C-alpha atoms as a PDB file:
ATOM      1  CA  MET A   1       6.654   7.483  -3.411  1.00  0.00           C
ATOM      2  CA  ILE A   2       8.858   8.245  -6.421  1.00  0.00           C
ATOM      3  CA  LEU A   3      10.414   4.736  -6.620  1.00  0.00           C
ATOM      4  CA  ALA A   4       6.597   3.279  -6.517  1.00  0.00           C
ATOM      5  CA  GLU A   5       6.072   5.828  -9.668  1.00  0.00           C
ATOM      6  CA  LEU A   6       9.393   4.972 -11.030  1.00  0.00           C
ATOM      7  CA  LEU A   7       8.619   0.702 -10.796  1.00  0.00           C
ATOM      8  CA  ARG A   8       5.067   1.326 -12.166  1.00  0.00           C
ATOM      9  CA  LEU A   9       6.892   2.554 -15.182  1.00  0.00           C
ATOM     10  CA  ARG A  10       9.202  -0.076 -15.714  1.00  0.00           C
ATOM     11  CA  ARG A  11       6.233  -2.082 -15.791  1.00  0.00           C
ATOM     12  CA  THR A  12       4.215  -0.180 -18.055  1.00  0.00           C
ATOM     13  CA  ARG A  13       4.054  -1.513 -21.783  1.00  0.00           C
ATOM     14  CA  ALA A  14       3.810   1.749 -23.263  1.00  0.00           C
ATOM     15  CA  VAL A  15       7.207   2.477 -21.555  1.00  0.00           C
ATOM     16  CA  TRP A  16       9.121  -0.981 -23.128  1.00  0.00           C
ATOM     17  CA  GLY A  17       7.710   0.216 -26.763  1.00  0.00           C
ATOM     18  CA  ALA A  18       9.217   4.115 -25.949  1.00  0.00           C
ATOM     19  CA  ALA A  19      12.396   1.433 -25.404  1.00  0.00           C
ATOM     20  CA  LEU A  20      11.662  -0.230 -28.064  1.00  0.00           C
ATOM     21  CA  PHE A  21      11.050   1.965 -30.556  1.00  0.00           C
ATOM     22  CA  THR A  22      14.130   4.667 -29.898  1.00  0.00           C
ATOM     23  CA  VAL A  23      16.831   2.698 -28.883  1.00  0.00           C
ATOM     24  CA  VAL A  24      16.326   0.012 -31.640  1.00  0.00           C
ATOM     25  CA  VAL A  25      14.191   0.606 -34.113  1.00  0.00           C
ATOM     26  CA  VAL A  26      15.072   4.183 -35.324  1.00  0.00           C
ATOM     27  CA  PRO A  27      18.728   3.737 -34.963  1.00  0.00           C
ATOM     28  CA  VAL A  28      19.257  -0.052 -36.235  1.00  0.00           C
ATOM     29  CA  GLY A  29      16.496   1.121 -38.841  1.00  0.00           C
ATOM     30  CA  THR A  30      18.339   4.098 -40.092  1.00  0.00           C
ATOM     31  CA  LEU A  31      21.285   1.977 -40.485  1.00  0.00           C
ATOM     32  CA  MET A  32      19.605  -0.549 -42.437  1.00  0.00           C
ATOM     33  CA  LEU A  33      18.200   2.023 -44.956  1.00  0.00           C
ATOM     34  CA  ASN A  34      21.728   3.662 -45.507  1.00  0.00           C
ATOM     35  CA  LEU A  35      22.591  -0.259 -46.144  1.00  0.00           C
ATOM     36  CA  VAL A  36      19.969  -0.424 -49.043  1.00  0.00           C
ATOM     37  CA  SER A  37      20.385   3.377 -50.278  1.00  0.00           C
ATOM     38  CA  SER A  38      23.647   3.617 -50.988  1.00  0.00           C
ATOM     39  CA  ALA A  39      26.932   1.324 -50.017  1.00  0.00           C
ATOM     40  CA  THR A  40      28.913   4.400 -48.728  1.00  0.00           C
ATOM     41  CA  ARG A  41      27.189   5.032 -45.927  1.00  0.00           C
ATOM     42  CA  ILE A  42      26.878   1.851 -43.656  1.00  0.00           C
ATOM     43  CA  GLY A  43      28.979   2.984 -40.768  1.00  0.00           C
ATOM     44  CA  GLY A  44      31.353   5.700 -40.293  1.00  0.00           C
ATOM     45  CA  ILE A  45      30.673   8.993 -38.897  1.00  0.00           C
ATOM     46  CA  ASP A  46      28.853  10.269 -41.937  1.00  0.00           C
ATOM     47  CA  ALA A  47      26.004   7.185 -41.074  1.00  0.00           C
ATOM     48  CA  ALA A  48      26.276   8.329 -37.376  1.00  0.00           C
ATOM     49  CA  ASP A  49      25.416  12.078 -38.558  1.00  0.00           C
ATOM     50  CA  ILE A  50      22.154  10.927 -39.789  1.00  0.00           C
ATOM     51  CA  THR A  51      21.159   8.718 -37.332  1.00  0.00           C
ATOM     52  CA  ILE A  52      21.852  10.686 -34.286  1.00  0.00           C
ATOM     53  CA  ALA A  53      19.490  13.368 -36.017  1.00  0.00           C
ATOM     54  CA  LEU A  54      16.887  11.294 -36.507  1.00  0.00           C
ATOM     55  CA  VAL A  55      17.153   9.992 -33.075  1.00  0.00           C
ATOM     56  CA  LEU A  56      16.365  13.909 -32.185  1.00  0.00           C
ATOM     57  CA  GLY A  57      13.868  13.565 -34.711  1.00  0.00           C
ATOM     58  CA  PRO A  58      11.246  11.109 -34.913  1.00  0.00           C
ATOM     59  CA  GLY A  59      13.133   9.104 -32.034  1.00  0.00           C
ATOM     60  CA  LEU A  60      11.607  11.830 -29.732  1.00  0.00           C
ATOM     61  CA  VAL A  61       8.501   9.785 -29.884  1.00  0.00           C
ATOM     62  CA  GLY A  62      10.427   7.778 -27.357  1.00  0.00           C
ATOM     63  CA  PRO A  63      10.565  10.295 -24.025  1.00  0.00           C
ATOM     64  CA  ALA A  64       6.776  11.900 -25.761  1.00  0.00           C
ATOM     65  CA  MET A  65       5.625   8.377 -24.942  1.00  0.00           C
ATOM     66  CA  VAL A  66       7.052   7.743 -21.444  1.00  0.00           C
ATOM     67  CA  GLY A  67       5.956  11.477 -20.586  1.00  0.00           C
ATOM     68  CA  VAL A  68       2.504  10.897 -21.388  1.00  0.00           C
ATOM     69  CA  THR A  69       2.173   7.498 -19.806  1.00  0.00           C
ATOM     70  CA  ALA A  70       3.008   9.080 -16.543  1.00  0.00           C
ATOM     71  CA  GLY A  71       0.525  11.754 -17.068  1.00  0.00           C
ATOM     72  CA  ILE A  72      -2.362   9.559 -17.865  1.00  0.00           C
ATOM     73  CA  ALA A  73      -1.566   6.319 -16.066  1.00  0.00           C
ATOM     74  CA  ASP A  74      -3.114   7.090 -12.629  1.00  0.00           C
ATOM     75  CA  ARG A  75      -6.141   8.337 -14.099  1.00  0.00           C
ATOM     76  CA  THR A  76      -6.771   5.693 -16.211  1.00  0.00           C
ATOM     77  CA  ALA A  77      -5.544   2.627 -13.931  1.00  0.00           C
ATOM     78  CA  GLY A  78      -8.148   4.159 -10.930  1.00  0.00           C
ATOM     79  CA  VAL A  79      -4.620   4.439  -8.317  1.00  0.00           C
ATOM     80  CA  PHE A  80      -5.392   8.450  -8.493  1.00  0.00           C
ATOM     81  CA  SER A  81      -8.799   8.220  -7.318  1.00  0.00           C
ATOM     82  CA  THR A  82      -7.772   6.056  -4.445  1.00  0.00           C
ATOM     83  CA  LEU A  83      -4.321   7.773  -3.094  1.00  0.00           C
ATOM     84  CA  ALA A  84      -6.465  11.241  -2.998  1.00  0.00           C
ATOM     85  CA  ALA A  85      -9.235   9.341  -1.172  1.00  0.00           C
ATOM     86  CA  THR A  86      -6.793   9.155   1.426  1.00  0.00           C
ATOM     87  CA  GLY A  87      -6.243  12.364   1.738  1.00  0.00           C
ATOM     88  CA  ARG A  88      -2.788  13.137   0.532  1.00  0.00           C
ATOM     89  CA  PRO A  89      -2.158  16.037  -1.459  1.00  0.00           C
ATOM     90  CA  ARG A  90      -2.995  15.644  -5.254  1.00  0.00           C
ATOM     91  CA  ALA A  91      -0.149  18.091  -5.565  1.00  0.00           C
ATOM     92  CA  SER A  92       2.301  16.049  -4.449  1.00  0.00           C
ATOM     93  CA  LEU A  93       1.297  13.203  -6.567  1.00  0.00           C
ATOM     94  CA  PHE A  94       1.806  14.862  -9.739  1.00  0.00           C
ATOM     95  CA  TRP A  95       5.321  16.143  -8.929  1.00  0.00           C
ATOM     96  CA  VAL A  96       6.491  12.623  -7.630  1.00  0.00           C
ATOM     97  CA  ARG A  97       6.017  11.542 -11.221  1.00  0.00           C
ATOM     98  CA  MET A  98       8.425  14.054 -12.716  1.00  0.00           C
ATOM     99  CA  PRO A  99      11.661  12.387 -11.085  1.00  0.00           C
ATOM    100  CA  ALA A 100      10.666   9.376 -12.186  1.00  0.00           C
ATOM    101  CA  VAL A 101      10.108  10.260 -15.508  1.00  0.00           C
ATOM    102  CA  VAL A 102      13.459  11.584 -15.547  1.00  0.00           C
ATOM    103  CA  ALA A 103      14.967   8.724 -14.061  1.00  0.00           C
ATOM    104  CA  VAL A 104      13.632   6.698 -16.710  1.00  0.00           C
ATOM    105  CA  VAL A 105      14.390   8.788 -19.698  1.00  0.00           C
ATOM    106  CA  VAL A 106      18.102   9.124 -18.935  1.00  0.00           C
ATOM    107  CA  PRO A 107      18.749   5.497 -19.431  1.00  0.00           C
ATOM    108  CA  LEU A 108      16.431   5.875 -22.526  1.00  0.00           C
ATOM    109  CA  ALA A 109      18.367   8.645 -24.347  1.00  0.00           C
ATOM    110  CA  LEU A 110      22.067   7.055 -23.186  1.00  0.00           C
ATOM    111  CA  ALA A 111      20.964   4.202 -25.019  1.00  0.00           C
ATOM    112  CA  SER A 112      19.259   5.719 -28.188  1.00  0.00           C
ATOM    113  CA  TRP A 113      23.188   7.939 -28.269  1.00  0.00           C
ATOM    114  CA  ALA A 114      25.681   4.780 -27.602  1.00  0.00           C
ATOM    115  CA  VAL A 115      23.620   2.387 -29.561  1.00  0.00           C
ATOM    116  CA  PRO A 116      24.332   4.279 -32.953  1.00  0.00           C
ATOM    117  CA  CYS A 117      27.890   5.467 -31.967  1.00  0.00           C
ATOM    118  CA  LEU A 118      28.972   1.738 -31.370  1.00  0.00           C
ATOM    119  CA  LEU A 119      27.174   0.676 -34.856  1.00  0.00           C
ATOM    120  CA  CYS A 120      28.783   3.335 -36.570  1.00  0.00           C
ATOM    121  CA  ALA A 121      32.151   3.072 -34.574  1.00  0.00           C
ATOM    122  CA  ALA A 122      32.101  -1.181 -35.339  1.00  0.00           C
ATOM    123  CA  ILE A 123      31.052  -0.852 -39.029  1.00  0.00           C
ATOM    124  CA  ARG A 124      33.617   0.461 -41.140  1.00  0.00           C
ATOM    125  CA  ASP A 125      33.823   1.020 -45.043  1.00  0.00           C
ATOM    126  CA  GLY A 126      35.415   3.236 -47.530  1.00  0.00           C
ATOM    127  CA  GLY A 127      33.395   5.651 -48.301  1.00  0.00           C
ATOM    128  CA  SER A 128      32.990   7.637 -44.899  1.00  0.00           C
ATOM    129  CA  ASP A 129      35.601   8.898 -42.209  1.00  0.00           C
ATOM    130  CA  PRO A 130      35.749   7.040 -39.112  1.00  0.00           C
ATOM    131  CA  MET A 131      33.240   8.080 -36.333  1.00  0.00           C
ATOM    132  CA  THR A 132      35.450   9.638 -33.228  1.00  0.00           C
ATOM    133  CA  TRP A 133      34.199   9.411 -30.097  1.00  0.00           C
ATOM    134  CA  SER A 134      34.998  13.076 -29.083  1.00  0.00           C
ATOM    135  CA  TRP A 135      32.789  14.055 -31.735  1.00  0.00           C
ATOM    136  CA  ALA A 136      30.149  11.188 -30.266  1.00  0.00           C
ATOM    137  CA  ILE A 137      30.315  13.081 -27.123  1.00  0.00           C
ATOM    138  CA  ASP A 138      29.636  15.997 -28.319  1.00  0.00           C
ATOM    139  CA  GLN A 139      26.461  15.331 -29.382  1.00  0.00           C
ATOM    140  CA  LEU A 140      25.654  13.565 -26.137  1.00  0.00           C
ATOM    141  CA  PRO A 141      23.979  16.469 -24.497  1.00  0.00           C
ATOM    142  CA  ALA A 142      21.524  17.330 -27.338  1.00  0.00           C
ATOM    143  CA  VAL A 143      20.357  13.877 -27.007  1.00  0.00           C
ATOM    144  CA  LEU A 144      20.087  14.294 -23.514  1.00  0.00           C
ATOM    145  CA  VAL A 145      18.399  17.542 -22.640  1.00  0.00           C
ATOM    146  CA  THR A 146      15.907  17.381 -25.643  1.00  0.00           C
ATOM    147  CA  ASP A 147      14.647  13.913 -24.318  1.00  0.00           C
ATOM    148  CA  VAL A 148      13.964  15.103 -20.942  1.00  0.00           C
ATOM    149  CA  VAL A 149      12.108  18.709 -22.079  1.00  0.00           C
ATOM    150  CA  ILE A 150      10.126  16.550 -24.497  1.00  0.00           C
ATOM    151  CA  ALA A 151       9.625  13.785 -21.498  1.00  0.00           C
ATOM    152  CA  LEU A 152       8.579  16.348 -18.929  1.00  0.00           C
ATOM    153  CA  THR A 153       6.245  18.818 -21.526  1.00  0.00           C
ATOM    154  CA  ALA A 154       4.426  15.504 -22.563  1.00  0.00           C
ATOM    155  CA  LEU A 155       4.102  14.630 -18.593  1.00  0.00           C
ATOM    156  CA  GLY A 156       2.678  17.784 -17.914  1.00  0.00           C
ATOM    157  CA  LEU A 157       0.398  17.852 -21.891  1.00  0.00           C
ATOM    158  CA  GLY A 158      -0.921  14.595 -20.358  1.00  0.00           C
ATOM    159  CA  SER A 159      -1.674  15.396 -16.817  1.00  0.00           C
ATOM    160  CA  ALA A 160      -3.490  18.426 -18.643  1.00  0.00           C
ATOM    161  CA  GLY A 161      -6.116  15.949 -19.583  1.00  0.00           C
ATOM    162  CA  LEU A 162      -4.668  15.121 -23.125  1.00  0.00           C
ATOM    163  CA  GLY A 163      -4.267  11.518 -24.556  1.00  0.00           C
ATOM    164  CA  GLY A 164      -1.286   9.801 -26.131  1.00  0.00           C
ATOM    165  CA  ALA A 165      -2.499  10.001 -29.678  1.00  0.00           C
ATOM    166  CA  PRO A 166      -2.450  13.480 -29.568  1.00  0.00           C
ATOM    167  CA  VAL A 167       0.761  14.672 -27.800  1.00  0.00           C
ATOM    168  CA  ILE A 168       2.489  11.985 -30.119  1.00  0.00           C
ATOM    169  CA  GLY A 169       1.274  13.272 -33.177  1.00  0.00           C
ATOM    170  CA  GLY A 170       2.345  16.734 -31.724  1.00  0.00           C
ATOM    171  CA  VAL A 171       6.050  15.371 -31.584  1.00  0.00           C
ATOM    172  CA  LEU A 172       6.097  13.647 -35.183  1.00  0.00           C
ATOM    173  CA  ALA A 173       4.494  17.220 -37.111  1.00  0.00           C
ATOM    174  CA  LEU A 174       6.804  18.729 -34.673  1.00  0.00           C
ATOM    175  CA  THR A 175       9.722  17.018 -36.120  1.00  0.00           C
ATOM    176  CA  LEU A 176       8.987  15.869 -38.880  1.00  0.00           C
ATOM    177  CA  GLY A 177       7.334  19.501 -40.106  1.00  0.00           C
ATOM    178  CA  VAL A 178       7.764  22.681 -38.009  1.00  0.00           C
ATOM    179  CA  VAL A 179      11.327  22.079 -37.416  1.00  0.00           C
ATOM    180  CA  PRO A 180      12.888  21.014 -40.846  1.00  0.00           C
ATOM    181  CA  ILE A 181      10.830  23.741 -42.726  1.00  0.00           C
ATOM    182  CA  ALA A 182      11.319  26.787 -39.660  1.00  0.00           C
ATOM    183  CA  GLY A 183      15.120  25.860 -39.453  1.00  0.00           C
ATOM    184  CA  SER A 184      15.400  26.468 -43.692  1.00  0.00           C
ATOM    185  CA  LEU A 185      13.691  29.160 -43.984  1.00  0.00           C
ATOM    186  CA  THR A 186      15.971  32.626 -43.293  1.00  0.00           C
ATOM    187  CA  THR A 187      12.479  34.616 -42.711  1.00  0.00           C
ATOM    188  CA  THR A 188      11.536  32.348 -39.667  1.00  0.00           C
ATOM    189  CA  PRO A 189      11.596  34.880 -36.308  1.00  0.00           C
ATOM    190  CA  ASP A 190      13.586  33.831 -34.027  1.00  0.00           C
ATOM    191  CA  TRP A 191      10.793  33.852 -31.141  1.00  0.00           C
ATOM    192  CA  PHE A 192       9.170  30.973 -33.081  1.00  0.00           C
ATOM    193  CA  LEU A 193      12.317  28.855 -33.981  1.00  0.00           C
ATOM    194  CA  ALA A 194      13.329  29.174 -29.753  1.00  0.00           C
ATOM    195  CA  LEU A 195       9.488  27.473 -29.324  1.00  0.00           C
ATOM    196  CA  LEU A 196      10.678  24.645 -31.491  1.00  0.00           C
ATOM    197  CA  PRO A 197      12.533  22.418 -28.447  1.00  0.00           C
ATOM    198  CA  PRO A 198      14.892  20.501 -30.699  1.00  0.00           C
ATOM    199  CA  VAL A 199      16.193  23.688 -31.908  1.00  0.00           C
ATOM    200  CA  SER A 200      16.782  25.818 -28.527  1.00  0.00           C
ATOM    201  CA  VAL A 201      18.702  22.888 -27.607  1.00  0.00           C
ATOM    202  CA  THR A 202      20.464  22.236 -30.549  1.00  0.00           C
ATOM    203  CA  GLU A 203      21.432  25.916 -30.787  1.00  0.00           C
ATOM    204  CA  LEU A 204      22.331  25.617 -26.606  1.00  0.00           C
ATOM    205  CA  VAL A 205      24.388  22.587 -26.093  1.00  0.00           C
ATOM    206  CA  GLY A 206      24.776  20.504 -29.459  1.00  0.00           C
ATOM    207  CA  GLY A 207      27.151  20.146 -32.030  1.00  0.00           C
ATOM    208  CA  ALA A 208      27.846  21.903 -35.286  1.00  0.00           C
ATOM    209  CA  SER A 209      26.573  19.270 -37.234  1.00  0.00           C
ATOM    210  CA  LEU A 210      23.465  19.322 -35.733  1.00  0.00           C
ATOM    211  CA  ALA A 211      22.989  22.742 -35.663  1.00  0.00           C
ATOM    212  CA  GLU A 212      23.596  22.454 -39.710  1.00  0.00           C
ATOM    213  CA  LYS A 213      21.042  19.653 -40.110  1.00  0.00           C
ATOM    214  CA  MET A 214      18.455  21.855 -38.357  1.00  0.00           C
ATOM    215  CA  GLY A 215      19.375  24.641 -41.069  1.00  0.00           C
ATOM    216  CA  ASP A 216      21.403  27.568 -41.620  1.00  0.00           C
ATOM    217  CA  SER A 217      18.878  30.218 -40.302  1.00  0.00           C
ATOM    218  CA  LEU A 218      19.696  29.520 -36.689  1.00  0.00           C
ATOM    219  CA  ALA A 219      21.653  31.893 -34.464  1.00  0.00           C
ATOM    220  CA  LEU A 220      19.814  32.220 -31.377  1.00  0.00           C
ATOM    221  CA  PRO A 221      20.771  34.339 -28.809  1.00  0.00           C
ATOM    222  CA  ALA A 222      21.104  31.626 -26.080  1.00  0.00           C
ATOM    223  CA  ALA A 223      18.809  33.939 -23.391  1.00  0.00           C
ATOM    224  CA  MET A 224      16.209  33.659 -26.136  1.00  0.00           C
ATOM    225  CA  ALA A 225      16.786  29.623 -26.547  1.00  0.00           C
ATOM    226  CA  VAL A 226      16.578  29.157 -23.001  1.00  0.00           C
ATOM    227  CA  GLY A 227      13.331  31.065 -22.806  1.00  0.00           C
ATOM    228  CA  GLY A 228      11.545  28.927 -25.331  1.00  0.00           C
ATOM    229  CA  LEU A 229      12.634  26.069 -23.210  1.00  0.00           C
ATOM    230  CA  ALA A 230      11.381  27.281 -20.566  1.00  0.00           C
ATOM    231  CA  ALA A 231       7.975  28.289 -21.751  1.00  0.00           C
ATOM    232  CA  TRP A 232       7.561  24.770 -22.802  1.00  0.00           C
ATOM    233  CA  LEU A 233       8.453  22.995 -19.650  1.00  0.00           C
ATOM    234  CA  VAL A 234       6.996  25.693 -16.852  1.00  0.00           C
ATOM    235  CA  GLY A 235       3.757  25.825 -19.145  1.00  0.00           C
ATOM    236  CA  SER A 236       2.927  22.590 -19.729  1.00  0.00           C
ATOM    237  CA  ILE A 237       3.941  21.463 -15.896  1.00  0.00           C
ATOM    238  CA  ALA A 238       1.887  24.591 -14.941  1.00  0.00           C
ATOM    239  CA  TYR A 239      -0.824  23.824 -16.492  1.00  0.00           C
ATOM    240  CA  GLY A 240      -0.630  19.889 -15.768  1.00  0.00           C
ATOM    241  CA  ARG A 241      -0.087  20.251 -12.203  1.00  0.00           C
ATOM    242  CA  HIS A 242      -3.371  22.773 -11.960  1.00  0.00           C
ATOM    243  CA  ARG A 243      -5.700  20.093 -13.717  1.00  0.00           C
ATOM    244  CA  THR A 244      -4.752  17.330 -11.223  1.00  0.00           C
ATOM    245  CA  VAL A 245      -5.660  19.566  -7.867  1.00  0.00           C
ATOM    246  CA  HIS A 246      -8.701  20.091 -10.005  1.00  0.00           C
ATOM    247  CA  ALA A 247      -9.428  16.822 -11.146  1.00  0.00           C
ATOM    248  CA  ASP A 248     -12.680  15.077 -10.051  1.00  0.00           C
ATOM    249  CA  ALA A 249     -11.431  12.432  -7.251  1.00  0.00           C
END
């Protein structure tokens, strides 16, 4: 069933739209803006730094689209009712979505990391230091973990009955509004920062440049950062499973 779910996701237009947005629109669009606004930030480590930060910002819409599509597609396509009528436990229908979502999101995350790094390594200019692959590899864990966390959280919320628009709107509000403001304020409580997935992941596995992008006030204990991520994952997935099991067939 996992392979069937994976095949269904790969054929969904929303997943291809997510791939296009995350892998092409965000990194390439950022580099094009750099080209227009400042000739010293076309390539090199400066452009790569900004682009990776945006992949962990608006670029998280892509993984969220994959997760919420997996959460709501069975109901919207009528597949859920058909499978439930065969006697298969509804909980099993929910659990097969998780590995399928991860199998889609991991290559998406790798591509969203590799595309800007390859472009910034290939484009050379005199106003920026060259990008090193040791720096690029240092950023990879944050991209992978954040994308997976956002996708699985969106899966749970989608399975709980939320549509794509509220989930994607929430991701945009989180990455464009809440995280930059909270990260720049020294008065923001640590527990609140720990509940922001991009912040928690950056504290755990992010490179130093990503931490600077999030703000100077970040100094979360590792246990608190893990607890914040676990709260989102466990809470959303448990609620999504509950709604799936008790949904009308």
